[in-house]
């Protein structure tokens, strides 16, 4: 499972088999640009440990970005409206 700003991605689903786009176009980690959804799906399917490792690196970077954004919105005073928008976005299953 990958968490992105547009929603969650279950890489075990077949629809990612031929998707050679980056893991997350807006991602902040090097794995977001270096690996495609199709490749990481293949790694999961083949039982390769590299798949979960790439997913973990991506998810840790995503949550680091998310907490940084939350901090910015807390300081700006608009956290409540930002939070309600992000909760809706993050609950989407891609």
PDB file of N, CA and C in Angstrom:
ATOM      1  N   UNK A   1       0.846  -1.174   0.000  1.00  0.00           N
ATOM      2  CA  UNK A   1       0.000   0.000   0.000  1.00  0.00           C
ATOM      3  C   UNK A   1       0.891   1.235   0.000  1.00  0.00           C
ATOM      4  N   UNK A   2       0.624   2.129  -0.936  1.00  0.00           N
ATOM      5  CA  UNK A   2       1.337   3.404  -0.989  1.00  0.00           C
ATOM      6  C   UNK A   2       0.370   4.522  -0.642  1.00  0.00           C
ATOM      7  N   UNK A   3       0.826   5.445   0.155  1.00  0.00           N
ATOM      8  CA  UNK A   3       0.025   6.602   0.514  1.00  0.00           C
ATOM      9  C   UNK A   3       0.526   7.793  -0.282  1.00  0.00           C
ATOM     10  N   UNK A   4      -0.394   8.480  -0.969  1.00  0.00           N
ATOM     11  CA  UNK A   4      -0.039   9.657  -1.758  1.00  0.00           C
ATOM     12  C   UNK A   4      -1.005  10.783  -1.413  1.00  0.00           C
ATOM     13  N   UNK A   5      -0.690  11.970  -1.861  1.00  0.00           N
ATOM     14  CA  UNK A   5      -1.561  13.116  -1.593  1.00  0.00           C
ATOM     15  C   UNK A   5      -2.876  13.014  -2.356  1.00  0.00           C
ATOM     16  N   UNK A   6      -2.940  12.107  -3.346  1.00  0.00           N
ATOM     17  CA  UNK A   6      -4.176  11.929  -4.118  1.00  0.00           C
ATOM     18  C   UNK A   6      -4.993  10.741  -3.638  1.00  0.00           C
ATOM     19  N   UNK A   7      -4.455   9.949  -2.729  1.00  0.00           N
ATOM     20  CA  UNK A   7      -5.151   8.787  -2.199  1.00  0.00           C
ATOM     21  C   UNK A   7      -4.205   7.621  -2.003  1.00  0.00           C
ATOM     22  N   UNK A   8      -4.764   6.464  -1.683  1.00  0.00           N
ATOM     23  CA  UNK A   8      -3.946   5.285  -1.438  1.00  0.00           C
ATOM     24  C   UNK A   8      -3.922   4.380  -2.666  1.00  0.00           C
ATOM     25  N   UNK A   9      -2.795   3.730  -2.872  1.00  0.00           N
ATOM     26  CA  UNK A   9      -2.593   2.835  -4.003  1.00  0.00           C
ATOM     27  C   UNK A   9      -2.288   1.448  -3.464  1.00  0.00           C
ATOM     28  N   UNK A  10      -3.090   0.475  -3.858  1.00  0.00           N
ATOM     29  CA  UNK A  10      -2.815  -0.918  -3.529  1.00  0.00           C
ATOM     30  C   UNK A  10      -2.103  -1.525  -4.730  1.00  0.00           C
ATOM     31  N   UNK A  11      -0.791  -1.686  -4.623  1.00  0.00           N
ATOM     32  CA  UNK A  11       0.003  -2.151  -5.753  1.00  0.00           C
ATOM     33  C   UNK A  11      -0.237  -3.614  -6.096  1.00  0.00           C
ATOM     34  N   UNK A  12      -0.997  -4.321  -5.307  1.00  0.00           N
ATOM     35  CA  UNK A  12      -1.316  -5.714  -5.626  1.00  0.00           C
ATOM     36  C   UNK A  12      -2.450  -5.806  -6.654  1.00  0.00           C
ATOM     37  N   UNK A  13      -3.133  -4.690  -6.903  1.00  0.00           N
ATOM     38  CA  UNK A  13      -4.206  -4.678  -7.904  1.00  0.00           C
ATOM     39  C   UNK A  13      -3.618  -4.777  -9.308  1.00  0.00           C
ATOM     40  N   UNK A  14      -4.320  -5.489 -10.182  1.00  0.00           N
ATOM     41  CA  UNK A  14      -3.846  -5.713 -11.554  1.00  0.00           C
ATOM     42  C   UNK A  14      -3.783  -4.439 -12.393  1.00  0.00           C
ATOM     43  N   UNK A  15      -4.547  -3.418 -12.034  1.00  0.00           N
ATOM     44  CA  UNK A  15      -4.567  -2.215 -12.874  1.00  0.00           C
ATOM     45  C   UNK A  15      -3.216  -1.493 -12.905  1.00  0.00           C
ATOM     46  N   UNK A  16      -2.319  -1.815 -11.999  1.00  0.00           N
ATOM     47  CA  UNK A  16      -1.004  -1.166 -11.976  1.00  0.00           C
ATOM     48  C   UNK A  16       0.024  -1.939 -12.794  1.00  0.00           C
ATOM     49  N   UNK A  17      -0.367  -3.080 -13.353  1.00  0.00           N
ATOM     50  CA  UNK A  17       0.558  -3.961 -14.074  1.00  0.00           C
ATOM     51  C   UNK A  17       1.265  -3.257 -15.234  1.00  0.00           C
ATOM     52  N   UNK A  18       0.558  -2.411 -15.950  1.00  0.00           N
ATOM     53  CA  UNK A  18       1.131  -1.727 -17.111  1.00  0.00           C
ATOM     54  C   UNK A  18       1.271  -0.218 -16.901  1.00  0.00           C
ATOM     55  N   UNK A  19       1.277   0.219 -15.658  1.00  0.00           N
ATOM     56  CA  UNK A  19       1.401   1.647 -15.348  1.00  0.00           C
ATOM     57  C   UNK A  19       2.864   1.962 -15.038  1.00  0.00           C
ATOM     58  N   UNK A  20       3.544   2.530 -16.028  1.00  0.00           N
ATOM     59  CA  UNK A  20       4.966   2.814 -15.879  1.00  0.00           C
ATOM     60  C   UNK A  20       5.227   4.254 -15.431  1.00  0.00           C
ATOM     61  N   UNK A  21       4.205   4.883 -14.880  1.00  0.00           N
ATOM     62  CA  UNK A  21       4.386   6.229 -14.333  1.00  0.00           C
ATOM     63  C   UNK A  21       5.084   6.125 -12.974  1.00  0.00           C
ATOM     64  N   UNK A  22       5.694   7.233 -12.525  1.00  0.00           N
ATOM     65  CA  UNK A  22       6.375   7.205 -11.216  1.00  0.00           C
ATOM     66  C   UNK A  22       5.412   6.844 -10.093  1.00  0.00           C
ATOM     67  N   UNK A  23       5.955   6.373  -8.985  1.00  0.00           N
ATOM     68  CA  UNK A  23       5.118   6.016  -7.833  1.00  0.00           C
ATOM     69  C   UNK A  23       4.230   7.183  -7.421  1.00  0.00           C
ATOM     70  N   UNK A  24       4.818   8.366  -7.368  1.00  0.00           N
ATOM     71  CA  UNK A  24       4.066   9.564  -6.990  1.00  0.00           C
ATOM     72  C   UNK A  24       4.724  10.760  -7.681  1.00  0.00           C
ATOM     73  N   UNK A  25       3.991  11.375  -8.626  1.00  0.00           N
ATOM     74  CA  UNK A  25       4.566  12.505  -9.364  1.00  0.00           C
ATOM     75  C   UNK A  25       4.943  13.663  -8.450  1.00  0.00           C
ATOM     76  N   UNK A  26       4.239  13.806  -7.340  1.00  0.00           N
ATOM     77  CA  UNK A  26       4.507  14.903  -6.406  1.00  0.00           C
ATOM     78  C   UNK A  26       5.333  14.456  -5.208  1.00  0.00           C
ATOM     79  N   UNK A  27       5.871  13.252  -5.262  1.00  0.00           N
ATOM     80  CA  UNK A  27       6.609  12.699  -4.130  1.00  0.00           C
ATOM     81  C   UNK A  27       7.914  13.419  -3.861  1.00  0.00           C
ATOM     82  N   UNK A  28       8.395  13.279  -2.643  1.00  0.00           N
ATOM     83  CA  UNK A  28       9.616  13.971  -2.234  1.00  0.00           C
ATOM     84  C   UNK A  28      10.809  13.041  -2.122  1.00  0.00           C
ATOM     85  N   UNK A  29      10.604  11.752  -2.286  1.00  0.00           N
ATOM     86  CA  UNK A  29      11.681  10.778  -2.133  1.00  0.00           C
ATOM     87  C   UNK A  29      12.247  10.380  -3.493  1.00  0.00           C
ATOM     88  N   UNK A  30      13.490   9.947  -3.501  1.00  0.00           N
ATOM     89  CA  UNK A  30      14.110   9.516  -4.765  1.00  0.00           C
ATOM     90  C   UNK A  30      13.392   8.299  -5.347  1.00  0.00           C
ATOM     91  N   UNK A  31      12.787   7.437  -4.516  1.00  0.00           N
ATOM     92  CA  UNK A  31      12.099   6.261  -5.044  1.00  0.00           C
ATOM     93  C   UNK A  31      10.869   6.647  -5.851  1.00  0.00           C
ATOM     94  N   UNK A  32      10.309   7.803  -5.580  1.00  0.00           N
ATOM     95  CA  UNK A  32       9.123   8.263  -6.315  1.00  0.00           C
ATOM     96  C   UNK A  32       9.444   8.520  -7.782  1.00  0.00           C
ATOM     97  N   UNK A  33      10.654   8.947  -8.057  1.00  0.00           N
ATOM     98  CA  UNK A  33      11.065   9.248  -9.429  1.00  0.00           C
ATOM     99  C   UNK A  33      11.763   8.070 -10.106  1.00  0.00           C
ATOM    100  N   UNK A  34      12.421   7.229  -9.335  1.00  0.00           N
ATOM    101  CA  UNK A  34      13.241   6.156  -9.896  1.00  0.00           C
ATOM    102  C   UNK A  34      12.457   4.896 -10.257  1.00  0.00           C
ATOM    103  N   UNK A  35      11.356   4.638  -9.572  1.00  0.00           N
ATOM    104  CA  UNK A  35      10.640   3.379  -9.772  1.00  0.00           C
ATOM    105  C   UNK A  35       9.201   3.625 -10.213  1.00  0.00           C
ATOM    106  N   UNK A  36       8.713   2.743 -11.085  1.00  0.00           N
ATOM    107  CA  UNK A  36       7.332   2.870 -11.568  1.00  0.00           C
ATOM    108  C   UNK A  36       6.408   1.978 -10.751  1.00  0.00           C
ATOM    109  N   UNK A  37       5.123   2.261 -10.866  1.00  0.00           N
ATOM    110  CA  UNK A  37       4.120   1.441 -10.188  1.00  0.00           C
ATOM    111  C   UNK A  37       4.169   0.003 -10.696  1.00  0.00           C
ATOM    112  N   UNK A  38       4.351  -0.161 -12.004  1.00  0.00           N
ATOM    113  CA  UNK A  38       4.406  -1.507 -12.593  1.00  0.00           C
ATOM    114  C   UNK A  38       5.593  -2.295 -12.042  1.00  0.00           C
ATOM    115  N   UNK A  39       6.736  -1.651 -11.905  1.00  0.00           N
ATOM    116  CA  UNK A  39       7.924  -2.339 -11.411  1.00  0.00           C
ATOM    117  C   UNK A  39       7.752  -2.771  -9.962  1.00  0.00           C
ATOM    118  N   UNK A  40       7.256  -1.870  -9.135  1.00  0.00           N
ATOM    119  CA  UNK A  40       7.088  -2.210  -7.719  1.00  0.00           C
ATOM    120  C   UNK A  40       5.996  -3.273  -7.561  1.00  0.00           C
ATOM    121  N   UNK A  41       4.950  -3.212  -8.387  1.00  0.00           N
ATOM    122  CA  UNK A  41       3.930  -4.264  -8.369  1.00  0.00           C
ATOM    123  C   UNK A  41       4.571  -5.598  -8.699  1.00  0.00           C
ATOM    124  N   UNK A  42       5.428  -5.625  -9.727  1.00  0.00           N
ATOM    125  CA  UNK A  42       6.137  -6.853 -10.106  1.00  0.00           C
ATOM    126  C   UNK A  42       6.958  -7.383  -8.928  1.00  0.00           C
ATOM    127  N   UNK A  43       7.652  -6.485  -8.228  1.00  0.00           N
ATOM    128  CA  UNK A  43       8.455  -6.914  -7.081  1.00  0.00           C
ATOM    129  C   UNK A  43       7.593  -7.549  -5.995  1.00  0.00           C
ATOM    130  N   UNK A  44       6.426  -6.950  -5.725  1.00  0.00           N
ATOM    131  CA  UNK A  44       5.511  -7.524  -4.736  1.00  0.00           C
ATOM    132  C   UNK A  44       5.048  -8.907  -5.181  1.00  0.00           C
ATOM    133  N   UNK A  45       4.654  -9.014  -6.451  1.00  0.00           N
ATOM    134  CA  UNK A  45       4.128 -10.274  -6.982  1.00  0.00           C
ATOM    135  C   UNK A  45       5.193 -11.375  -6.961  1.00  0.00           C
ATOM    136  N   UNK A  46       6.437 -11.006  -7.247  1.00  0.00           N
ATOM    137  CA  UNK A  46       7.530 -11.974  -7.271  1.00  0.00           C
ATOM    138  C   UNK A  46       8.041 -12.328  -5.876  1.00  0.00           C
ATOM    139  N   UNK A  47       7.545 -11.630  -4.864  1.00  0.00           N
ATOM    140  CA  UNK A  47       7.984 -11.897  -3.499  1.00  0.00           C
ATOM    141  C   UNK A  47       9.358 -11.322  -3.181  1.00  0.00           C
ATOM    142  N   UNK A  48       9.796 -10.379  -3.986  1.00  0.00           N
ATOM    143  CA  UNK A  48      11.086  -9.733  -3.762  1.00  0.00           C
ATOM    144  C   UNK A  48      10.991  -8.742  -2.612  1.00  0.00           C
ATOM    145  N   UNK A  49      11.945  -8.769  -1.725  1.00  0.00           N
ATOM    146  CA  UNK A  49      11.951  -7.890  -0.562  1.00  0.00           C
ATOM    147  C   UNK A  49      12.135  -6.421  -0.942  1.00  0.00           C
ATOM    148  N   UNK A  50      12.680  -6.165  -2.129  1.00  0.00           N
ATOM    149  CA  UNK A  50      12.887  -4.784  -2.571  1.00  0.00           C
ATOM    150  C   UNK A  50      11.561  -4.038  -2.702  1.00  0.00           C
ATOM    151  N   UNK A  51      10.469  -4.723  -3.075  1.00  0.00           N
ATOM    152  CA  UNK A  51       9.162  -4.072  -3.205  1.00  0.00           C
ATOM    153  C   UNK A  51       8.702  -3.420  -1.915  1.00  0.00           C
ATOM    154  N   UNK A  52       8.607  -4.182  -0.814  1.00  0.00           N
ATOM    155  CA  UNK A  52       8.226  -3.558   0.456  1.00  0.00           C
ATOM    156  C   UNK A  52       9.220  -2.510   0.942  1.00  0.00           C
ATOM    157  N   UNK A  53      10.489  -2.668   0.612  1.00  0.00           N
ATOM    158  CA  UNK A  53      11.477  -1.668   1.021  1.00  0.00           C
ATOM    159  C   UNK A  53      11.233  -0.344   0.305  1.00  0.00           C
ATOM    160  N   UNK A  54      10.973  -0.402  -1.008  1.00  0.00           N
ATOM    161  CA  UNK A  54      10.679   0.814  -1.774  1.00  0.00           C
ATOM    162  C   UNK A  54       9.405   1.461  -1.256  1.00  0.00           C
ATOM    163  N   UNK A  55       8.371   0.644  -0.998  1.00  0.00           N
ATOM    164  CA  UNK A  55       7.104   1.171  -0.481  1.00  0.00           C
ATOM    165  C   UNK A  55       7.315   1.838   0.875  1.00  0.00           C
ATOM    166  N   UNK A  56       8.136   1.253   1.724  1.00  0.00           N
ATOM    167  CA  UNK A  56       8.402   1.833   3.046  1.00  0.00           C
ATOM    168  C   UNK A  56       9.118   3.172   2.939  1.00  0.00           C
ATOM    169  N   UNK A  57      10.118   3.243   2.055  1.00  0.00           N
ATOM    170  CA  UNK A  57      10.831   4.512   1.860  1.00  0.00           C
ATOM    171  C   UNK A  57       9.872   5.581   1.367  1.00  0.00           C
ATOM    172  N   UNK A  58       9.039   5.220   0.394  1.00  0.00           N
ATOM    173  CA  UNK A  58       8.058   6.174  -0.126  1.00  0.00           C
ATOM    174  C   UNK A  58       7.108   6.633   0.983  1.00  0.00           C
ATOM    175  N   UNK A  59       6.536   5.690   1.726  1.00  0.00           N
ATOM    176  CA  UNK A  59       5.543   6.037   2.749  1.00  0.00           C
ATOM    177  C   UNK A  59       6.146   6.880   3.869  1.00  0.00           C
ATOM    178  N   UNK A  60       7.378   6.579   4.277  1.00  0.00           N
ATOM    179  CA  UNK A  60       8.028   7.403   5.301  1.00  0.00           C
ATOM    180  C   UNK A  60       8.236   8.830   4.799  1.00  0.00           C
ATOM    181  N   UNK A  61       8.674   8.979   3.549  1.00  0.00           N
ATOM    182  CA  UNK A  61       8.863  10.318   2.977  1.00  0.00           C
ATOM    183  C   UNK A  61       7.528  11.038   2.860  1.00  0.00           C
ATOM    184  N   UNK A  62       6.471  10.302   2.490  1.00  0.00           N
ATOM    185  CA  UNK A  62       5.156  10.923   2.366  1.00  0.00           C
ATOM    186  C   UNK A  62       4.682  11.442   3.727  1.00  0.00           C
ATOM    187  N   UNK A  63       4.808  10.639   4.767  1.00  0.00           N
ATOM    188  CA  UNK A  63       4.353  11.079   6.086  1.00  0.00           C
ATOM    189  C   UNK A  63       5.212  12.205   6.636  1.00  0.00           C
ATOM    190  N   UNK A  64       6.480  12.215   6.303  1.00  0.00           N
ATOM    191  CA  UNK A  64       7.324  13.341   6.699  1.00  0.00           C
ATOM    192  C   UNK A  64       6.833  14.626   6.017  1.00  0.00           C
ATOM    193  N   UNK A  65       6.490  14.532   4.727  1.00  0.00           N
ATOM    194  CA  UNK A  65       5.939  15.681   4.008  1.00  0.00           C
ATOM    195  C   UNK A  65       4.607  16.102   4.625  1.00  0.00           C
ATOM    196  N   UNK A  66       3.741  15.128   4.938  1.00  0.00           N
ATOM    197  CA  UNK A  66       2.420  15.416   5.483  1.00  0.00           C
ATOM    198  C   UNK A  66       2.513  16.138   6.829  1.00  0.00           C
ATOM    199  N   UNK A  67       3.398  15.701   7.691  1.00  0.00           N
ATOM    200  CA  UNK A  67       3.572  16.349   8.993  1.00  0.00           C
ATOM    201  C   UNK A  67       4.126  17.757   8.811  1.00  0.00           C
ATOM    202  N   UNK A  68       5.039  17.935   7.853  1.00  0.00           N
ATOM    203  CA  UNK A  68       5.559  19.279   7.565  1.00  0.00           C
ATOM    204  C   UNK A  68       4.465  20.212   7.080  1.00  0.00           C
ATOM    205  N   UNK A  69       3.589  19.698   6.225  1.00  0.00           N
ATOM    206  CA  UNK A  69       2.456  20.504   5.752  1.00  0.00           C
ATOM    207  C   UNK A  69       1.517  20.852   6.898  1.00  0.00           C
ATOM    208  N   UNK A  70       1.260  19.896   7.754  1.00  0.00           N
ATOM    209  CA  UNK A  70       0.389  20.146   8.910  1.00  0.00           C
ATOM    210  C   UNK A  70       0.982  21.249   9.792  1.00  0.00           C
ATOM    211  N   UNK A  71       2.277  21.184   9.997  1.00  0.00           N
ATOM    212  CA  UNK A  71       2.949  22.204  10.807  1.00  0.00           C
ATOM    213  C   UNK A  71       2.790  23.584  10.174  1.00  0.00           C
ATOM    214  N   UNK A  72       2.975  23.663   8.835  1.00  0.00           N
ATOM    215  CA  UNK A  72       2.815  24.950   8.142  1.00  0.00           C
ATOM    216  C   UNK A  72       1.407  25.501   8.318  1.00  0.00           C
ATOM    217  N   UNK A  73       0.404  24.634   8.211  1.00  0.00           N
ATOM    218  CA  UNK A  73      -0.980  25.091   8.327  1.00  0.00           C
ATOM    219  C   UNK A  73      -1.357  25.423   9.767  1.00  0.00           C
ATOM    220  N   UNK A  74      -0.741  24.762  10.722  1.00  0.00           N
ATOM    221  CA  UNK A  74      -0.957  25.135  12.128  1.00  0.00           C
ATOM    222  C   UNK A  74      -0.424  26.546  12.380  1.00  0.00           C
ATOM    223  N   UNK A  75       0.761  26.811  11.877  1.00  0.00           N
ATOM    224  CA  UNK A  75       1.361  28.131  12.058  1.00  0.00           C
ATOM    225  C   UNK A  75       0.587  29.212  11.315  1.00  0.00           C
ATOM    226  N   UNK A  76       0.019  28.863  10.155  1.00  0.00           N
ATOM    227  CA  UNK A  76      -0.746  29.830   9.370  1.00  0.00           C
ATOM    228  C   UNK A  76      -2.146  30.043   9.928  1.00  0.00           C
ATOM    229  N   UNK A  77      -2.607  29.119  10.780  1.00  0.00           N
ATOM    230  CA  UNK A  77      -3.924  29.265  11.392  1.00  0.00           C
ATOM    231  C   UNK A  77      -5.076  28.690  10.587  1.00  0.00           C
ATOM    232  N   UNK A  78      -4.785  27.946   9.531  1.00  0.00           N
ATOM    233  CA  UNK A  78      -5.865  27.365   8.714  1.00  0.00           C
ATOM    234  C   UNK A  78      -5.825  25.828   8.712  1.00  0.00           C
ATOM    235  N   UNK A  79      -5.369  25.265   9.825  1.00  0.00           N
ATOM    236  CA  UNK A  79      -5.217  23.820   9.914  1.00  0.00           C
ATOM    237  C   UNK A  79      -6.537  23.078   9.757  1.00  0.00           C
ATOM    238  N   UNK A  80      -7.610  23.565  10.351  1.00  0.00           N
ATOM    239  CA  UNK A  80      -8.888  22.850  10.321  1.00  0.00           C
ATOM    240  C   UNK A  80      -9.401  22.673   8.896  1.00  0.00           C
ATOM    241  N   UNK A  81      -9.359  23.711   8.099  1.00  0.00           N
ATOM    242  CA  UNK A  81      -9.839  23.590   6.721  1.00  0.00           C
ATOM    243  C   UNK A  81      -8.901  22.707   5.896  1.00  0.00           C
ATOM    244  N   UNK A  82      -7.595  22.841   6.108  1.00  0.00           N
ATOM    245  CA  UNK A  82      -6.629  21.999   5.403  1.00  0.00           C
ATOM    246  C   UNK A  82      -6.833  20.537   5.767  1.00  0.00           C
ATOM    247  N   UNK A  83      -7.044  20.276   7.059  1.00  0.00           N
ATOM    248  CA  UNK A  83      -7.220  18.905   7.533  1.00  0.00           C
ATOM    249  C   UNK A  83      -8.434  18.243   6.898  1.00  0.00           C
ATOM    250  N   UNK A  84      -9.554  18.953   6.838  1.00  0.00           N
ATOM    251  CA  UNK A  84     -10.748  18.350   6.260  1.00  0.00           C
ATOM    252  C   UNK A  84     -10.554  18.042   4.772  1.00  0.00           C
ATOM    253  N   UNK A  85      -9.825  18.890   4.072  1.00  0.00           N
ATOM    254  CA  UNK A  85      -9.525  18.630   2.663  1.00  0.00           C
ATOM    255  C   UNK A  85      -8.608  17.422   2.514  1.00  0.00           C
ATOM    256  N   UNK A  86      -7.568  17.360   3.331  1.00  0.00           N
ATOM    257  CA  UNK A  86      -6.608  16.263   3.234  1.00  0.00           C
ATOM    258  C   UNK A  86      -7.218  14.926   3.627  1.00  0.00           C
ATOM    259  N   UNK A  87      -8.075  14.909   4.618  1.00  0.00           N
ATOM    260  CA  UNK A  87      -8.710  13.650   5.023  1.00  0.00           C
ATOM    261  C   UNK A  87      -9.539  13.089   3.871  1.00  0.00           C
ATOM    262  N   UNK A  88     -10.252  13.945   3.166  1.00  0.00           N
ATOM    263  CA  UNK A  88     -11.027  13.488   2.000  1.00  0.00           C
ATOM    264  C   UNK A  88     -10.110  12.952   0.910  1.00  0.00           C
ATOM    265  N   UNK A  89      -9.033  13.670   0.627  1.00  0.00           N
ATOM    266  CA  UNK A  89      -8.098  13.247  -0.420  1.00  0.00           C
ATOM    267  C   UNK A  89      -7.424  11.932  -0.060  1.00  0.00           C
ATOM    268  N   UNK A  90      -6.987  11.792   1.174  1.00  0.00           N
ATOM    269  CA  UNK A  90      -6.249  10.611   1.579  1.00  0.00           C
ATOM    270  C   UNK A  90      -7.125   9.365   1.674  1.00  0.00           C
ATOM    271  N   UNK A  91      -8.430   9.530   1.798  1.00  0.00           N
ATOM    272  CA  UNK A  91      -9.315   8.374   1.918  1.00  0.00           C
ATOM    273  C   UNK A  91      -9.721   7.802   0.558  1.00  0.00           C
ATOM    274  N   UNK A  92      -9.312   8.462  -0.528  1.00  0.00           N
ATOM    275  CA  UNK A  92      -9.631   7.967  -1.881  1.00  0.00           C
ATOM    276  C   UNK A  92      -8.766   6.762  -2.188  1.00  0.00           C
ATOM    277  N   UNK A  93      -9.379   5.717  -2.722  1.00  0.00           N
ATOM    278  CA  UNK A  93      -8.641   4.531  -3.175  1.00  0.00           C
ATOM    279  C   UNK A  93      -8.399   4.661  -4.676  1.00  0.00           C
ATOM    280  N   UNK A  94      -7.149   4.733  -5.060  1.00  0.00           N
ATOM    281  CA  UNK A  94      -6.802   4.883  -6.473  1.00  0.00           C
ATOM    282  C   UNK A  94      -6.694   3.539  -7.159  1.00  0.00           C
TER     283      UNK A  94
END
